[in-house]
Each structure stands twice: as structure tokens, then as C-alpha cells.
Amino acid sequence: MTQTKPIWKRNLYILSIAVFIAGIAFSEIMPFLSLYINTLGDFTHQQLNFWSGIVYSGTFIVSAVVSPWWGKLADKKGRKPMILRAGLGMAIVIASMGLVQNVWQLLLLRMLQGVFAGFISNSNALVATETPKTNSGQALGTIASATTAGTLLGPLIGGALTSIFSYRVTFMITGGLLLICSALVLFFVHEADFTPITAKKLEKTSGVIKSLRSPQLIFGLLLTTMIIQAANNSINPIVSLYVRQLLNNHGNVVFISGVIAALPGIATFLVASRFGALGDRIGTHKIIVVGFIAASIFFFLTAFVQNTVELGILRFLVGFSDACLFPQVQTMLTKNSPAAVTGRIFSWNQSAMYIGNIIGPLLGSTVSGLFNYSAVFIVTTGIVLLNLLLFRINVIRNIQK
């Protein structure tokens, strides 16, 4: 016991640094991805929008499909090898994006990036299995905070790098950052408590399900993840357009949109680990319920804002409700899953997250096109309340059994 505790704490420290750097790497190329695509051909406005959408979503679609397979391998070979596989694979793939000559090559590499995805999810899985369950909420909250911080800094760093160098060089620098992450994991992370799956029954999905104390609770949490991501991402396509409407086409729309887009992440970074620790003490499911209620209030009020200051305040508050949701769902998955299948469960959760990432923007774009921007926030409020109802049915009732 005296040896295990320092190991899990050291793993948490190193992986927090690694996912922070990885968060920067993954997000720093997003602001200029459409601009890079525009340099790869002579596109009309409609064609550029089409290619931007498909190149952006290609990674998520592939990841949603292959993640369960990688999760199965993680339970057999270990989470550390899967982190290294993801880090090294994506380092090569993203660096190669700086060498493409047409949009088809970029799309292929973005899809290949999806094949190698899993750096952050496997880091979460390793922390979840190595950390005592009484500390898992705080540990996963710390990882979430580090990831969020990196994701927030990424666009700023990416913009600076493209200004100093070029789009192509920035892709190569991003690959270098992921190599650094991989080196940190290779030399400083030790997976001390891993026991590979040997039971044949656990190699099949049906065997994993049978090993769960409450399959309905686990699948209820996976559904919760998908809807959380769909709700949060339904806002993304229209934030800058909503800002422009509130400003009446006056002022620096791009800058203000960027600040408002970053505010939820700042709030999440500040409190995720604290909410995780509180959940360890009073019950993680209680934190999630509070998050749903708060999110529904904040989203609903956002539909009626009159200026960008009010919008910014409410988006900042949404970050607090976010901190009550996704990291805490991961904690509940950890506390209610056998350690032997944690990799599989976390990979299913990652697939659910990616599906939500795909559904959300489509939903937001459709609602805003049919109605108006305010309607997106009202519909999102309804989605959050539906998620709360399903959470009570699928999760809370099974906790109390």
C-alpha cells in the first residue's frame, strides 16, 4: 500500500502534463483547418464549407467506430501501450498533414488520425484503474482540468505559430508535441496494477456486459455522455453568429466570439477537480444531477440575452455545470466497472462522446436554420432535461438497489 500510493500520484502528475500538451496539440490546428483547406484547391464558398465539415468530422466518425476495438486491446495489453500507440501514431499522421498536396490526402490523414485516437481516453482509463476508488473523482477531475487547459491554450498557440511560420510547419510542430507526450509516458508512467484479461468470456462484448453489476447503469452513463456532448456541441456552430447578431454587425466579432467560446473551458478548468473531490465525499451522482439542473437554467436564460456581456456571463456559468457532468460520468463508470474491463468501458464512452460530437453541430445548425439562434438554446435546454430524466431512470435507480 505504501508503494502503490506514490505510483498512482506520480502517474496522475505525469499524465496531467501529457494530456495538457496533447490538448494543445489537438486544438491548435482547428482554428486554421478551413483556411488550410482553402490553400489546397480552388473552391467555391459552398465547396469550402462542405470540405471543412467533412474533414473536421472525419476523425470523429472513424474514432467512434474503432475505439471499442482499441479498448478491447487495452484490457489485454495494458493502457500504457495504447497511450503510446495513440501518441506516436497521431504524431506521425498530424505531422504528415503538413505535406499534403490536395484535400483528399488531408481527408485521408484526418480519418487515419481517427484510427489512432485514444491518447486522452486511455490516459483517463489508466488513472482510473491505478487510483484508489475513493480518490478517483478528484483524480479524473484533475485530468479533465489539464485537458481543458491545453484545449483552451491550443488555438492561441496555433494562431501564433501560423503567424510566425506557416500552416504546414505548424502541423509538424504539433506532431513534435505529441512525440514529447509519448516520451513522458514511455519513461515516467508505470502501470503497476494491470492484470491482462485471460478469461475468454471477457473478450466478447456479451462477456463484458455479463461482468457488470448493473449493465443498465453503465449503458445509462454512456447515453448520458452522448447527450451531454450533443447538447454542448449544438451551440458551437452558432456562437459566433449569435455574437454577430447581438453586436448588430458592429465591433470585433471574431475576437469577442473567441473569448466567449473560451469562457466555459476556463470555468471547467477552475473547478473540475474540486467537484470531483466533493463527489467522492457526497456521491458523484448528486454532482451530476446538480450539473443537469444548472445547465438547463443557464441554457434557457441564454436564449433571452440582450448583449454579449450577458452571453459571456452565462457561457462562463455553463463551464461550472460542464465540470459537474462529463468528468463525473467518467468517475461513475470507474466506480461501477470491474478493473479488468475498464479499457473497454472507457472506449465505449469515447465512442458515445464522438457520436455526440457529430450529432450536436448538426442539430444546432438545423434548428438555427429552421427557426433562429435563440431556439437552439431552448432546444438544448430540452435535451438537458431529457438527459436528467434518463439519468434518473437508468442510473440513480440502479445505484439505490
Protein backbone atom coordinates (compact mmCIF):
# COMPACT_ATOMS: atom_id res chain seq x y z
CA MET A 1 0.00 0.00 0.00
CA THR A 2 2.85 2.36 0.83
CA GLN A 3 4.35 1.71 -2.62
CA THR A 4 1.13 1.91 -4.65
CA LYS A 5 0.07 5.37 -3.47
CA PRO A 6 3.18 7.23 -4.74
CA ILE A 7 2.90 5.41 -8.08
CA TRP A 8 -0.68 6.46 -8.76
CA LYS A 9 0.08 10.02 -7.71
CA ARG A 10 3.14 10.17 -9.96
CA ASN A 11 1.14 8.72 -12.85
CA LEU A 12 -1.54 11.36 -12.28
CA TYR A 13 1.07 14.14 -12.28
CA ILE A 14 2.84 12.97 -15.44
CA LEU A 15 -0.36 12.18 -17.33
CA SER A 16 -1.81 15.56 -16.38
CA ILE A 17 1.19 17.19 -18.06
CA ALA A 18 0.90 14.84 -21.04
CA VAL A 19 -2.81 15.47 -21.66
CA PHE A 20 -2.24 19.21 -21.20
CA ILE A 21 0.31 19.14 -24.04
CA ALA A 22 -1.92 16.80 -26.07
CA GLY A 23 -4.86 19.18 -25.56
CA ILE A 24 -2.75 21.97 -27.05
CA ALA A 25 -1.72 19.75 -29.96
CA PHE A 26 -5.25 18.64 -30.82
CA SER A 27 -6.82 22.10 -30.63
CA GLU A 28 -4.10 24.32 -32.10
CA ILE A 29 -4.77 23.19 -35.68
CA MET A 30 -8.56 23.62 -35.54
CA PRO A 31 -8.77 27.44 -35.99
CA PHE A 32 -6.92 27.36 -39.32
CA LEU A 33 -8.08 23.98 -40.69
CA SER A 34 -10.61 25.59 -43.07
CA LEU A 35 -8.03 28.17 -44.16
CA TYR A 36 -5.53 25.38 -44.85
CA ILE A 37 -8.11 23.51 -46.92
CA ASN A 38 -8.64 26.68 -48.96
CA THR A 39 -4.94 26.60 -49.97
CA LEU A 40 -5.30 23.07 -51.35
CA GLY A 41 -7.59 23.92 -54.26
CA ASP A 42 -9.79 26.46 -55.99
CA PHE A 43 -13.06 26.04 -54.04
CA THR A 44 -16.34 27.93 -54.11
CA HIS A 45 -17.80 29.09 -50.80
CA GLN A 46 -20.16 26.10 -50.71
CA GLN A 47 -17.40 23.64 -51.59
CA LEU A 48 -15.15 25.05 -48.87
CA ASN A 49 -17.91 24.66 -46.27
CA PHE A 50 -18.54 21.09 -47.44
CA TRP A 51 -14.89 20.08 -47.29
CA SER A 52 -14.36 21.82 -43.95
CA GLY A 53 -17.26 19.90 -42.44
CA ILE A 54 -16.25 16.50 -43.78
CA VAL A 55 -12.53 16.92 -42.98
CA TYR A 56 -13.38 18.07 -39.44
CA SER A 57 -15.89 15.27 -38.73
CA GLY A 58 -13.91 12.51 -40.46
CA THR A 59 -11.73 11.96 -37.39
CA PHE A 60 -14.72 11.63 -35.05
CA ILE A 61 -16.62 9.23 -37.31
CA VAL A 62 -13.68 6.84 -37.61
CA SER A 63 -12.84 7.11 -33.90
CA ALA A 64 -16.41 6.24 -32.91
CA VAL A 65 -16.12 3.03 -34.94
CA VAL A 66 -12.62 1.85 -33.94
CA SER A 67 -12.49 2.93 -30.27
CA PRO A 68 -14.18 -0.24 -28.90
CA TRP A 69 -11.60 -2.40 -30.69
CA TRP A 70 -8.74 -0.43 -29.14
CA GLY A 71 -10.48 -0.65 -25.76
CA LYS A 72 -10.57 -4.43 -26.04
CA LEU A 73 -6.85 -4.44 -26.83
CA ALA A 74 -6.17 -2.12 -23.87
CA ASP A 75 -7.74 -4.62 -21.48
CA LYS A 76 -5.50 -7.37 -22.90
CA LYS A 77 -2.20 -5.50 -23.39
CA GLY A 78 -2.43 -2.56 -20.98
CA ARG A 79 -3.43 1.09 -21.11
CA LYS A 80 0.15 2.41 -21.32
CA PRO A 81 0.85 0.65 -24.67
CA MET A 82 -2.41 2.11 -26.01
CA ILE A 83 -1.41 5.63 -24.93
CA LEU A 84 1.92 5.19 -26.71
CA ARG A 85 0.19 3.74 -29.78
CA ALA A 86 -2.11 6.77 -29.94
CA GLY A 87 0.61 9.34 -29.25
CA LEU A 88 3.16 8.02 -31.74
CA GLY A 89 0.56 7.25 -34.40
CA MET A 90 -1.03 10.68 -34.27
CA ALA A 91 2.37 12.40 -34.10
CA ILE A 92 3.29 10.89 -37.47
CA VAL A 93 -0.16 11.41 -39.02
CA ILE A 94 -0.58 15.05 -37.96
CA ALA A 95 2.99 15.96 -38.97
CA SER A 96 2.24 14.38 -42.37
CA MET A 97 -0.73 16.75 -42.81
CA GLY A 98 1.83 19.49 -43.40
CA LEU A 99 2.98 17.65 -46.55
CA VAL A 100 -0.36 17.07 -48.33
CA GLN A 101 -0.93 18.38 -51.84
CA ASN A 102 -4.72 18.14 -52.08
CA VAL A 103 -7.81 17.95 -49.90
CA TRP A 104 -8.30 14.22 -50.49
CA GLN A 105 -4.92 13.48 -48.91
CA LEU A 106 -5.84 15.68 -45.93
CA LEU A 107 -9.18 13.88 -45.51
CA LEU A 108 -7.42 10.51 -45.60
CA LEU A 109 -4.97 11.61 -42.91
CA ARG A 110 -7.76 13.07 -40.75
CA MET A 111 -9.54 9.70 -40.94
CA LEU A 112 -6.25 7.95 -40.14
CA GLN A 113 -5.95 10.27 -37.12
CA GLY A 114 -9.29 8.81 -36.00
CA VAL A 115 -7.84 5.31 -36.26
CA PHE A 116 -5.03 6.26 -33.86
CA ALA A 117 -7.25 8.27 -31.47
CA GLY A 118 -7.35 7.44 -27.79
CA PHE A 119 -4.46 9.25 -26.10
CA ILE A 120 -6.64 11.13 -23.62
CA SER A 121 -9.25 8.38 -23.12
CA ASN A 122 -6.57 5.78 -22.37
CA SER A 123 -4.84 8.22 -20.03
CA ASN A 124 -8.15 8.53 -18.21
CA ALA A 125 -8.51 4.76 -18.13
CA LEU A 126 -5.00 4.28 -16.70
CA VAL A 127 -5.60 6.88 -14.00
CA ALA A 128 -8.99 5.34 -13.24
CA THR A 129 -7.60 1.84 -12.76
CA GLU A 130 -4.43 2.83 -10.87
CA THR A 131 -6.09 5.30 -8.49
CA PRO A 132 -7.92 4.12 -5.33
CA LYS A 133 -11.67 4.43 -5.99
CA THR A 134 -12.04 6.79 -3.03
CA ASN A 135 -9.83 9.29 -4.89
CA SER A 136 -10.95 8.61 -8.45
CA GLY A 137 -13.30 11.60 -8.68
CA GLN A 138 -10.60 14.09 -7.78
CA ALA A 139 -8.02 12.32 -9.98
CA LEU A 140 -10.24 12.28 -13.08
CA GLY A 141 -11.26 15.87 -12.37
CA THR A 142 -7.57 16.81 -12.37
CA ILE A 143 -7.06 15.09 -15.73
CA ALA A 144 -10.14 16.88 -17.10
CA SER A 145 -8.80 20.24 -15.89
CA ALA A 146 -5.42 19.61 -17.54
CA THR A 147 -7.05 18.58 -20.82
CA THR A 148 -9.33 21.63 -20.76
CA ALA A 149 -6.42 23.97 -20.06
CA GLY A 150 -4.48 22.61 -23.02
CA THR A 151 -7.52 22.80 -25.27
CA LEU A 152 -8.03 26.45 -24.30
CA LEU A 153 -4.41 27.40 -24.98
CA GLY A 154 -4.20 25.44 -28.23
CA PRO A 155 -5.98 27.90 -30.57
CA LEU A 156 -3.93 30.80 -29.19
CA ILE A 157 -0.65 28.92 -29.69
CA GLY A 158 -1.76 27.64 -33.10
CA GLY A 159 -2.56 31.16 -34.23
CA ALA A 160 0.83 32.41 -33.05
CA LEU A 161 2.70 29.56 -34.76
CA THR A 162 0.94 30.06 -38.09
CA SER A 163 1.74 33.79 -37.89
CA ILE A 164 5.42 33.11 -37.22
CA PHE A 165 5.84 30.11 -39.52
CA SER A 166 3.11 28.68 -41.77
CA TYR A 167 0.21 26.23 -41.75
CA ARG A 168 2.45 23.37 -42.85
CA VAL A 169 5.15 23.98 -40.25
CA THR A 170 2.51 24.21 -37.51
CA PHE A 171 1.31 20.68 -38.35
CA MET A 172 4.88 19.43 -37.97
CA ILE A 173 5.33 21.24 -34.65
CA THR A 174 2.07 19.67 -33.48
CA GLY A 175 3.46 16.23 -34.33
CA GLY A 176 6.54 17.11 -32.28
CA LEU A 177 4.39 18.00 -29.26
CA LEU A 178 2.73 14.59 -29.42
CA LEU A 179 6.17 12.94 -29.53
CA ILE A 180 7.01 14.78 -26.30
CA CYS A 181 3.79 13.48 -24.73
CA SER A 182 4.69 9.94 -25.79
CA ALA A 183 8.19 10.26 -24.33
CA LEU A 184 6.78 11.41 -20.97
CA VAL A 185 4.51 8.37 -20.85
CA LEU A 186 7.21 5.96 -22.01
CA PHE A 187 9.77 6.95 -19.39
CA PHE A 188 7.77 8.16 -16.39
CA VAL A 189 4.38 6.38 -16.30
CA HIS A 190 4.24 2.94 -14.70
CA GLU A 191 1.16 0.74 -14.94
CA ALA A 192 1.64 -1.13 -11.68
CA ASP A 193 -1.73 -2.80 -11.11
CA PHE A 194 -2.56 -4.01 -14.61
CA THR A 195 -3.75 -7.60 -14.94
CA PRO A 196 -4.35 -8.69 -18.54
CA ILE A 197 -7.65 -10.34 -19.42
CA THR A 198 -7.23 -14.09 -19.73
CA ALA A 199 -10.88 -15.19 -19.49
CA LYS A 200 -12.23 -15.94 -22.97
CA LYS A 201 -15.69 -14.77 -21.97
CA LEU A 202 -14.39 -11.23 -21.36
CA GLU A 203 -13.03 -10.97 -24.90
CA LYS A 204 -16.60 -10.72 -26.23
CA THR A 205 -18.92 -7.79 -25.69
CA SER A 206 -21.54 -10.12 -24.21
CA GLY A 207 -18.99 -11.32 -21.64
CA VAL A 208 -18.11 -7.76 -20.66
CA ILE A 209 -21.79 -6.93 -20.19
CA LYS A 210 -22.31 -10.02 -18.02
CA SER A 211 -19.36 -8.98 -15.82
CA LEU A 212 -21.08 -5.69 -14.95
CA ARG A 213 -23.02 -5.41 -11.71
CA SER A 214 -25.59 -3.22 -13.41
CA PRO A 215 -25.43 -3.07 -17.23
CA GLN A 216 -28.36 -0.62 -17.28
CA LEU A 217 -26.37 1.81 -15.11
CA ILE A 218 -23.30 1.60 -17.37
CA PHE A 219 -25.24 1.99 -20.61
CA GLY A 220 -27.27 4.76 -18.98
CA LEU A 221 -23.99 6.59 -18.31
CA LEU A 222 -22.85 6.06 -21.91
CA LEU A 223 -26.14 7.54 -23.12
CA THR A 224 -25.61 10.42 -20.70
CA THR A 225 -22.18 11.10 -22.22
CA MET A 226 -23.57 11.13 -25.76
CA ILE A 227 -26.36 13.58 -24.88
CA ILE A 228 -24.01 15.84 -22.85
CA GLN A 229 -21.70 16.12 -25.87
CA ALA A 230 -24.60 16.65 -28.28
CA ALA A 231 -26.03 19.42 -26.06
CA ASN A 232 -22.70 21.21 -25.63
CA ASN A 233 -21.75 20.93 -29.30
CA SER A 234 -25.15 22.05 -30.59
CA ILE A 235 -24.08 25.56 -29.60
CA ASN A 236 -20.70 25.56 -31.36
CA PRO A 237 -21.83 26.29 -34.94
CA ILE A 238 -23.84 29.36 -33.96
CA VAL A 239 -21.87 31.07 -31.17
CA SER A 240 -20.05 33.49 -33.49
CA LEU A 241 -23.25 34.11 -35.48
CA TYR A 242 -25.17 34.80 -32.26
CA VAL A 243 -22.43 37.22 -31.19
CA ARG A 244 -22.65 38.99 -34.55
CA GLN A 245 -26.43 39.33 -34.15
CA LEU A 246 -26.09 40.75 -30.62
CA LEU A 247 -23.48 43.25 -31.85
CA ASN A 248 -25.66 44.25 -34.80
CA ASN A 249 -22.68 43.64 -37.08
CA HIS A 250 -20.59 46.21 -35.19
CA GLY A 251 -17.40 45.54 -33.21
CA ASN A 252 -14.76 42.83 -33.39
CA VAL A 253 -16.97 39.77 -33.83
CA VAL A 254 -14.09 37.30 -34.22
CA PHE A 255 -12.27 38.39 -31.06
CA ILE A 256 -15.40 38.53 -28.88
CA SER A 257 -16.58 35.16 -30.22
CA GLY A 258 -13.22 33.65 -29.34
CA VAL A 259 -13.37 34.97 -25.78
CA ILE A 260 -16.95 33.77 -25.28
CA ALA A 261 -16.11 30.35 -26.75
CA ALA A 262 -13.23 30.00 -24.26
CA LEU A 263 -15.20 31.02 -21.13
CA PRO A 264 -16.86 27.62 -20.42
CA GLY A 265 -13.49 25.89 -20.57
CA ILE A 266 -11.94 28.38 -18.14
CA ALA A 267 -14.68 27.72 -15.59
CA THR A 268 -14.37 23.95 -16.03
CA PHE A 269 -10.61 24.14 -15.55
CA LEU A 270 -11.03 26.07 -12.29
CA VAL A 271 -13.42 23.67 -10.56
CA ALA A 272 -13.41 20.18 -12.16
CA SER A 273 -11.02 18.59 -9.65
CA ARG A 274 -12.82 20.26 -6.71
CA PHE A 275 -16.20 18.95 -7.87
CA GLY A 276 -14.61 15.53 -8.31
CA ALA A 277 -13.33 15.57 -4.73
CA LEU A 278 -16.76 16.69 -3.49
CA GLY A 279 -18.38 13.85 -5.43
CA ASP A 280 -16.01 11.38 -3.76
CA ARG A 281 -17.38 12.56 -0.41
CA ILE A 282 -21.12 13.03 -1.01
CA GLY A 283 -21.83 10.88 -4.07
CA THR A 284 -20.84 11.55 -7.66
CA HIS A 285 -24.41 11.11 -8.94
CA LYS A 286 -25.52 14.08 -6.80
CA ILE A 287 -22.95 16.32 -8.50
CA ILE A 288 -24.23 15.19 -11.92
CA VAL A 289 -27.87 15.96 -11.02
CA VAL A 290 -26.87 19.46 -9.88
CA GLY A 291 -24.99 19.87 -13.17
CA PHE A 292 -28.06 18.97 -15.22
CA ILE A 293 -30.29 21.38 -13.33
CA ALA A 294 -27.76 24.22 -13.56
CA ALA A 295 -27.10 23.61 -17.27
CA SER A 296 -30.81 23.66 -18.12
CA ILE A 297 -31.21 27.02 -16.34
CA PHE A 298 -28.13 28.55 -17.98
CA PHE A 299 -29.01 27.36 -21.50
CA PHE A 300 -32.61 28.57 -21.17
CA LEU A 301 -31.56 32.03 -19.98
CA THR A 302 -29.04 32.29 -22.82
CA ALA A 303 -31.91 32.29 -25.32
CA PHE A 304 -33.03 35.68 -23.97
CA VAL A 305 -29.76 37.62 -23.59
CA GLN A 306 -29.68 41.17 -24.92
CA ASN A 307 -25.94 41.73 -25.24
CA THR A 308 -22.59 39.95 -25.37
CA VAL A 309 -21.83 40.65 -21.69
CA GLU A 310 -24.89 38.66 -20.61
CA LEU A 311 -23.97 35.94 -23.10
CA GLY A 312 -20.42 35.78 -21.75
CA ILE A 313 -21.57 35.51 -18.13
CA LEU A 314 -23.97 32.65 -18.92
CA ARG A 315 -21.41 30.79 -21.05
CA PHE A 316 -18.93 31.10 -18.17
CA LEU A 317 -21.54 29.63 -15.80
CA VAL A 318 -22.14 26.77 -18.25
CA GLY A 319 -18.50 25.82 -17.66
CA PHE A 320 -19.33 25.14 -14.00
CA SER A 321 -22.19 22.85 -14.99
CA ASP A 322 -19.87 21.13 -17.51
CA ALA A 323 -17.47 20.38 -14.64
CA CYS A 324 -20.35 18.61 -12.88
CA LEU A 325 -21.08 16.38 -15.85
CA PHE A 326 -18.54 14.73 -18.17
CA PRO A 327 -15.66 14.20 -15.66
CA GLN A 328 -18.15 12.92 -13.08
CA VAL A 329 -19.70 10.46 -15.55
CA GLN A 330 -16.22 9.03 -16.10
CA THR A 331 -15.83 8.74 -12.33
CA MET A 332 -19.12 6.83 -12.04
CA LEU A 333 -18.03 4.50 -14.84
CA THR A 334 -14.82 3.84 -12.90
CA LYS A 335 -16.60 3.16 -9.63
CA ASN A 336 -19.14 0.80 -11.20
CA SER A 337 -16.95 -1.19 -13.61
CA PRO A 338 -14.59 -4.12 -12.90
CA ALA A 339 -10.97 -3.05 -13.37
CA ALA A 340 -10.44 -5.83 -15.92
CA VAL A 341 -12.80 -4.21 -18.44
CA THR A 342 -12.19 -0.53 -17.71
CA GLY A 343 -10.42 -0.03 -21.05
CA ARG A 344 -13.44 -1.41 -22.90
CA ILE A 345 -15.91 0.71 -20.92
CA PHE A 346 -13.88 3.89 -21.43
CA SER A 347 -13.60 3.16 -25.17
CA TRP A 348 -17.39 2.78 -25.37
CA ASN A 349 -17.65 6.10 -23.55
CA GLN A 350 -15.28 7.67 -26.07
CA SER A 351 -17.42 6.37 -28.94
CA ALA A 352 -20.52 7.82 -27.28
CA MET A 353 -18.68 11.14 -26.92
CA TYR A 354 -17.72 11.19 -30.61
CA ILE A 355 -21.27 10.37 -31.69
CA GLY A 356 -22.45 13.31 -29.59
CA ASN A 357 -19.78 15.48 -31.23
CA ILE A 358 -21.26 14.60 -34.62
CA ILE A 359 -24.96 14.92 -33.68
CA GLY A 360 -24.64 18.21 -31.76
CA PRO A 361 -23.42 20.55 -34.52
CA LEU A 362 -25.89 19.03 -36.99
CA LEU A 363 -28.71 19.64 -34.53
CA GLY A 364 -27.65 23.22 -33.80
CA SER A 365 -27.27 24.08 -37.49
CA THR A 366 -30.65 22.54 -38.35
CA VAL A 367 -32.58 24.29 -35.55
CA SER A 368 -30.99 27.67 -36.24
CA GLY A 369 -31.77 27.27 -39.94
CA LEU A 370 -35.42 26.39 -39.31
CA PHE A 371 -36.03 28.92 -36.53
CA ASN A 372 -33.43 31.30 -35.03
CA TYR A 373 -30.36 31.28 -32.78
CA SER A 374 -32.38 31.60 -29.56
CA ALA A 375 -34.29 28.44 -30.48
CA VAL A 376 -31.03 26.44 -30.38
CA PHE A 377 -30.61 27.25 -26.67
CA ILE A 378 -34.25 26.41 -25.91
CA VAL A 379 -33.99 23.05 -27.73
CA THR A 380 -30.70 22.37 -25.93
CA THR A 381 -32.45 23.04 -22.60
CA GLY A 382 -34.99 20.38 -23.51
CA ILE A 383 -32.18 17.94 -24.35
CA VAL A 384 -30.50 18.54 -20.97
CA LEU A 385 -33.79 17.96 -19.10
CA LEU A 386 -34.36 14.76 -21.10
CA ASN A 387 -30.85 13.68 -20.12
CA LEU A 388 -31.68 14.32 -16.45
CA LEU A 389 -34.83 12.18 -16.73
CA LEU A 390 -32.95 9.31 -18.41
CA PHE A 391 -30.16 9.60 -15.84
CA ARG A 392 -32.67 9.20 -13.00
CA ILE A 393 -34.25 6.17 -14.69
CA ASN A 394 -31.10 4.37 -15.84
CA VAL A 395 -28.51 5.36 -13.27
CA ILE A 396 -29.88 6.65 -9.97
CA ARG A 397 -32.46 3.89 -9.61
CA ASN A 398 -29.73 1.29 -10.08
CA ILE A 399 -27.42 2.98 -7.56
CA GLN A 400 -30.12 2.72 -4.93
CA LYS A 401 -30.70 -1.01 -5.50
